Structure formats: C-alpha cells, structure tokens
N, C-alpha and C. Protein backbone atom coordinates (compact mmCIF):
# COMPACT_ATOMS: atom_id res chain seq x y z
N MET A 1 -6.91 -96.81 13.07
CA MET A 1 -7.76 -97.80 13.62
C MET A 1 -9.02 -98.24 12.98
N SER A 2 -9.94 -96.92 12.75
CA SER A 2 -11.23 -97.18 12.06
C SER A 2 -10.70 -97.01 10.41
N ASN A 3 -12.10 -97.60 9.62
CA ASN A 3 -11.88 -97.32 8.27
C ASN A 3 -12.97 -96.38 8.23
N ASP A 4 -13.10 -96.35 6.86
CA ASP A 4 -14.21 -95.63 5.94
C ASP A 4 -15.59 -96.16 6.24
N TYR A 5 -15.44 -97.18 6.21
CA TYR A 5 -17.01 -97.91 6.19
C TYR A 5 -17.42 -97.77 7.34
N GLU A 6 -16.41 -97.93 8.56
CA GLU A 6 -17.11 -98.09 9.59
C GLU A 6 -17.73 -96.58 10.47
N ASP A 7 -16.59 -95.57 9.81
CA ASP A 7 -17.06 -94.45 10.36
C ASP A 7 -18.34 -93.90 9.02
N SER A 8 -18.57 -94.18 8.30
CA SER A 8 -20.15 -94.15 7.26
C SER A 8 -21.20 -94.48 7.74
N LEU A 9 -20.95 -95.71 9.11
CA LEU A 9 -22.08 -96.13 9.40
C LEU A 9 -23.41 -95.32 10.26
N SER A 10 -24.31 -95.70 10.11
CA SER A 10 -25.22 -94.75 10.65
C SER A 10 -25.25 -95.45 12.18
N MET A 11 -25.54 -94.53 13.36
CA MET A 11 -25.69 -94.78 14.78
C MET A 11 -26.23 -96.61 14.96
N ASP A 12 -27.57 -96.25 14.16
CA ASP A 12 -28.65 -97.53 14.11
C ASP A 12 -27.49 -98.88 13.71
N ALA A 13 -26.94 -98.49 12.81
CA ALA A 13 -26.10 -99.57 12.26
C ALA A 13 -25.08 -100.26 12.83
N LEU A 14 -24.15 -98.95 13.52
CA LEU A 14 -23.30 -99.20 14.37
C LEU A 14 -23.57 -100.07 15.99
N ASN A 15 -24.75 -99.77 16.12
CA ASN A 15 -25.62 -100.51 17.71
C ASN A 15 -25.73 -102.08 17.09
N ASP A 16 -25.92 -101.88 15.69
CA ASP A 16 -26.47 -103.60 15.28
C ASP A 16 -25.23 -104.38 15.55
N ARG A 17 -23.97 -103.41 14.56
CA ARG A 17 -22.54 -104.47 14.52
C ARG A 17 -22.29 -104.41 16.21
N ILE A 18 -22.48 -103.91 16.63
CA ILE A 18 -21.87 -103.89 18.36
C ILE A 18 -22.77 -105.14 18.87
N ALA A 19 -23.86 -104.92 18.58
CA ALA A 19 -24.78 -106.24 19.47
C ALA A 19 -24.54 -107.36 18.95
N ILE A 20 -23.95 -107.77 17.09
CA ILE A 20 -23.94 -108.96 16.77
C ILE A 20 -22.63 -109.36 17.24
N LEU A 21 -21.44 -108.25 17.55
CA LEU A 21 -20.14 -108.74 18.20
C LEU A 21 -20.43 -109.20 19.67
N GLU A 22 -21.17 -108.54 20.19
CA GLU A 22 -21.29 -109.25 21.64
C GLU A 22 -21.93 -110.42 21.61
N ASP A 23 -23.40 -110.66 20.79
CA ASP A 23 -23.61 -111.97 20.91
C ASP A 23 -22.48 -112.93 20.17
N ASN A 24 -21.21 -112.54 19.58
CA ASN A 24 -20.30 -113.59 18.93
C ASN A 24 -19.31 -113.87 20.17
N ILE A 25 -19.03 -112.69 20.65
CA ILE A 25 -18.32 -113.32 21.79
C ILE A 25 -18.82 -114.37 23.15
N ARG A 26 -20.26 -113.83 23.03
CA ARG A 26 -20.91 -115.22 24.16
C ARG A 26 -20.92 -115.90 23.88
N GLN A 27 -21.23 -116.41 22.38
CA GLN A 27 -20.67 -117.67 21.84
C GLN A 27 -19.75 -118.30 21.61
N LEU A 28 -18.73 -117.76 21.44
CA LEU A 28 -17.26 -118.15 21.47
C LEU A 28 -16.96 -118.22 23.14
N ILE A 29 -17.23 -117.94 23.99
CA ILE A 29 -17.09 -118.34 25.25
C ILE A 29 -17.86 -119.20 25.71
N GLU A 30 -18.97 -119.55 25.15
CA GLU A 30 -20.03 -120.60 25.61
C GLU A 30 -19.08 -121.78 24.86
N GLN A 31 -18.46 -121.69 23.47
CA GLN A 31 -17.82 -122.75 22.59
C GLN A 31 -16.49 -123.57 23.31
N ALA A 32 -15.83 -122.13 23.97
CA ALA A 32 -14.52 -122.19 24.93
C ALA A 32 -14.70 -123.31 25.91
N ALA A 33 -15.75 -123.17 26.48
CA ALA A 33 -15.97 -123.90 27.57
C ALA A 33 -16.36 -125.48 27.32
N ALA A 34 -16.83 -125.34 26.10
CA ALA A 34 -17.41 -126.89 25.78
C ALA A 34 -16.06 -127.22 25.05
N ALA A 35 -15.25 -126.54 24.66
CA ALA A 35 -14.16 -127.25 23.61
C ALA A 35 -13.03 -128.14 24.51
N SER A 36 -12.63 -129.18 23.60
CA SER A 36 -11.79 -130.17 24.20
C SER A 36 -10.60 -129.99 23.05
N GLY A 37 -9.28 -129.93 23.31
CA GLY A 37 -7.95 -130.21 22.37
C GLY A 37 -7.35 -128.81 22.52
N GLU A 38 -6.15 -128.82 22.55
CA GLU A 38 -5.63 -127.29 22.37
C GLU A 38 -5.60 -126.81 20.84
N GLN A 39 -6.03 -127.30 20.11
CA GLN A 39 -6.09 -126.72 18.80
C GLN A 39 -7.47 -125.84 18.32
N SER A 40 -8.46 -126.48 19.14
CA SER A 40 -9.68 -126.07 19.14
C SER A 40 -10.06 -124.50 20.23
N GLU A 41 -9.54 -125.18 21.52
CA GLU A 41 -9.19 -123.55 22.50
C GLU A 41 -8.06 -122.47 21.61
N SER A 42 -7.40 -122.76 20.98
CA SER A 42 -6.62 -121.88 20.98
C SER A 42 -7.10 -121.26 19.45
N ARG A 43 -7.73 -121.58 18.55
CA ARG A 43 -8.44 -121.12 17.44
C ARG A 43 -9.87 -120.44 17.97
N ILE A 44 -10.42 -120.71 19.24
CA ILE A 44 -11.80 -120.00 19.93
C ILE A 44 -10.84 -118.72 20.13
N ALA A 45 -9.93 -118.88 21.43
CA ALA A 45 -9.11 -117.81 21.91
C ALA A 45 -8.79 -116.76 20.57
N ASP A 46 -8.22 -117.16 19.54
CA ASP A 46 -7.68 -116.25 18.63
C ASP A 46 -9.02 -115.24 17.71
N ARG A 47 -9.97 -116.14 17.86
CA ARG A 47 -11.41 -115.47 17.29
C ARG A 47 -11.83 -114.55 18.15
N LEU A 48 -11.64 -114.89 19.58
CA LEU A 48 -12.06 -113.92 21.18
C LEU A 48 -11.56 -113.08 20.48
N ASN A 49 -9.99 -112.73 20.67
CA ASN A 49 -9.45 -111.72 20.48
C ASN A 49 -9.55 -110.93 19.65
N GLN A 50 -9.97 -111.43 18.37
CA GLN A 50 -10.54 -110.32 17.42
C GLN A 50 -11.65 -109.52 17.67
N GLN A 51 -12.35 -110.83 18.00
CA GLN A 51 -14.01 -109.83 17.99
C GLN A 51 -13.98 -108.87 19.15
N ASN A 52 -12.98 -109.31 20.35
CA ASN A 52 -13.10 -108.31 21.08
C ASN A 52 -12.12 -106.73 20.63
N ASP A 53 -11.29 -106.93 19.77
CA ASP A 53 -10.36 -106.04 19.48
C ASP A 53 -11.69 -105.16 18.22
N GLU A 54 -12.52 -105.62 17.49
CA GLU A 54 -13.08 -104.86 16.58
C GLU A 54 -14.54 -104.29 17.64
N LEU A 55 -14.89 -105.07 18.96
CA LEU A 55 -16.09 -104.50 19.48
C LEU A 55 -15.00 -103.24 20.41
N ASP A 56 -14.27 -103.54 20.54
CA ASP A 56 -13.70 -101.69 20.88
C ASP A 56 -13.20 -100.93 20.07
N ARG A 57 -12.90 -101.13 19.14
CA ARG A 57 -12.92 -100.14 17.99
C ARG A 57 -14.32 -99.55 17.60
N LEU A 58 -15.41 -100.64 17.46
CA LEU A 58 -16.64 -99.78 17.11
C LEU A 58 -16.95 -99.20 18.56
N LEU A 59 -16.81 -99.83 19.68
CA LEU A 59 -17.26 -98.91 20.86
C LEU A 59 -16.59 -97.22 20.95
N LYS A 60 -15.36 -97.33 20.65
CA LYS A 60 -15.12 -95.76 20.56
C LYS A 60 -15.22 -94.89 19.66
N ILE A 61 -15.55 -95.61 18.60
CA ILE A 61 -16.00 -94.79 17.46
C ILE A 61 -17.72 -94.53 17.91
N ARG A 62 -18.53 -95.35 18.77
CA ARG A 62 -19.59 -94.82 19.19
C ARG A 62 -19.67 -93.60 20.18
N GLU A 63 -18.86 -93.87 21.05
CA GLU A 63 -18.08 -92.87 21.53
C GLU A 63 -17.94 -91.58 21.74
N SER A 64 -17.60 -91.63 20.24
CA SER A 64 -16.46 -90.34 19.94
C SER A 64 -18.22 -89.61 19.41
N ARG A 65 -18.99 -90.42 18.65
CA ARG A 65 -20.09 -89.96 17.78
C ARG A 65 -20.79 -89.08 18.62
N GLN A 66 -21.19 -89.82 20.24
CA GLN A 66 -21.79 -89.35 21.55
C GLN A 66 -21.82 -87.99 21.81
N LYS A 67 -20.21 -87.89 21.50
CA LYS A 67 -19.79 -86.74 22.47
C LYS A 67 -19.63 -85.33 21.61
N LYS A 68 -19.88 -85.86 20.30
CA LYS A 68 -20.24 -84.52 19.08
C LYS A 68 -21.71 -83.91 19.59
C-alpha cells in the first residue's frame, strides 16, 4: 500500500501532503462542475479518483502513526 518514501515522511510533511491533496480534490470538484464534454469529465473523474486513493492511503498512515 504505502511506499518507503511515505513511511519516512515526518508528521508535518505528511499533514502538508494531506492538505495539498484535499485542496487538489476541491479544485477538481470545481473543475468537474464547470466541465463540458464527456472527455473532460472522464479525465477529471479519473484524476479525482487517483487523488482520493492517495488521500485515503496517507490518512491511514497518519492514523497508524497517531496510535503509536
């Protein structure tokens, strides 16, 4: 699931990456609302899914660190 790079991030760096992903997701949602055309919507949906997957992965890493 996670790679060595993500495991070696400091908690501050991990929180920064999570904040960036959350902002990316917000921007992609705004783009999707304004998008016209099937190709644009599909591309945005794919990117949104990728960002959500990465966010979920980083949130799990953060959660597991907080339990330690």
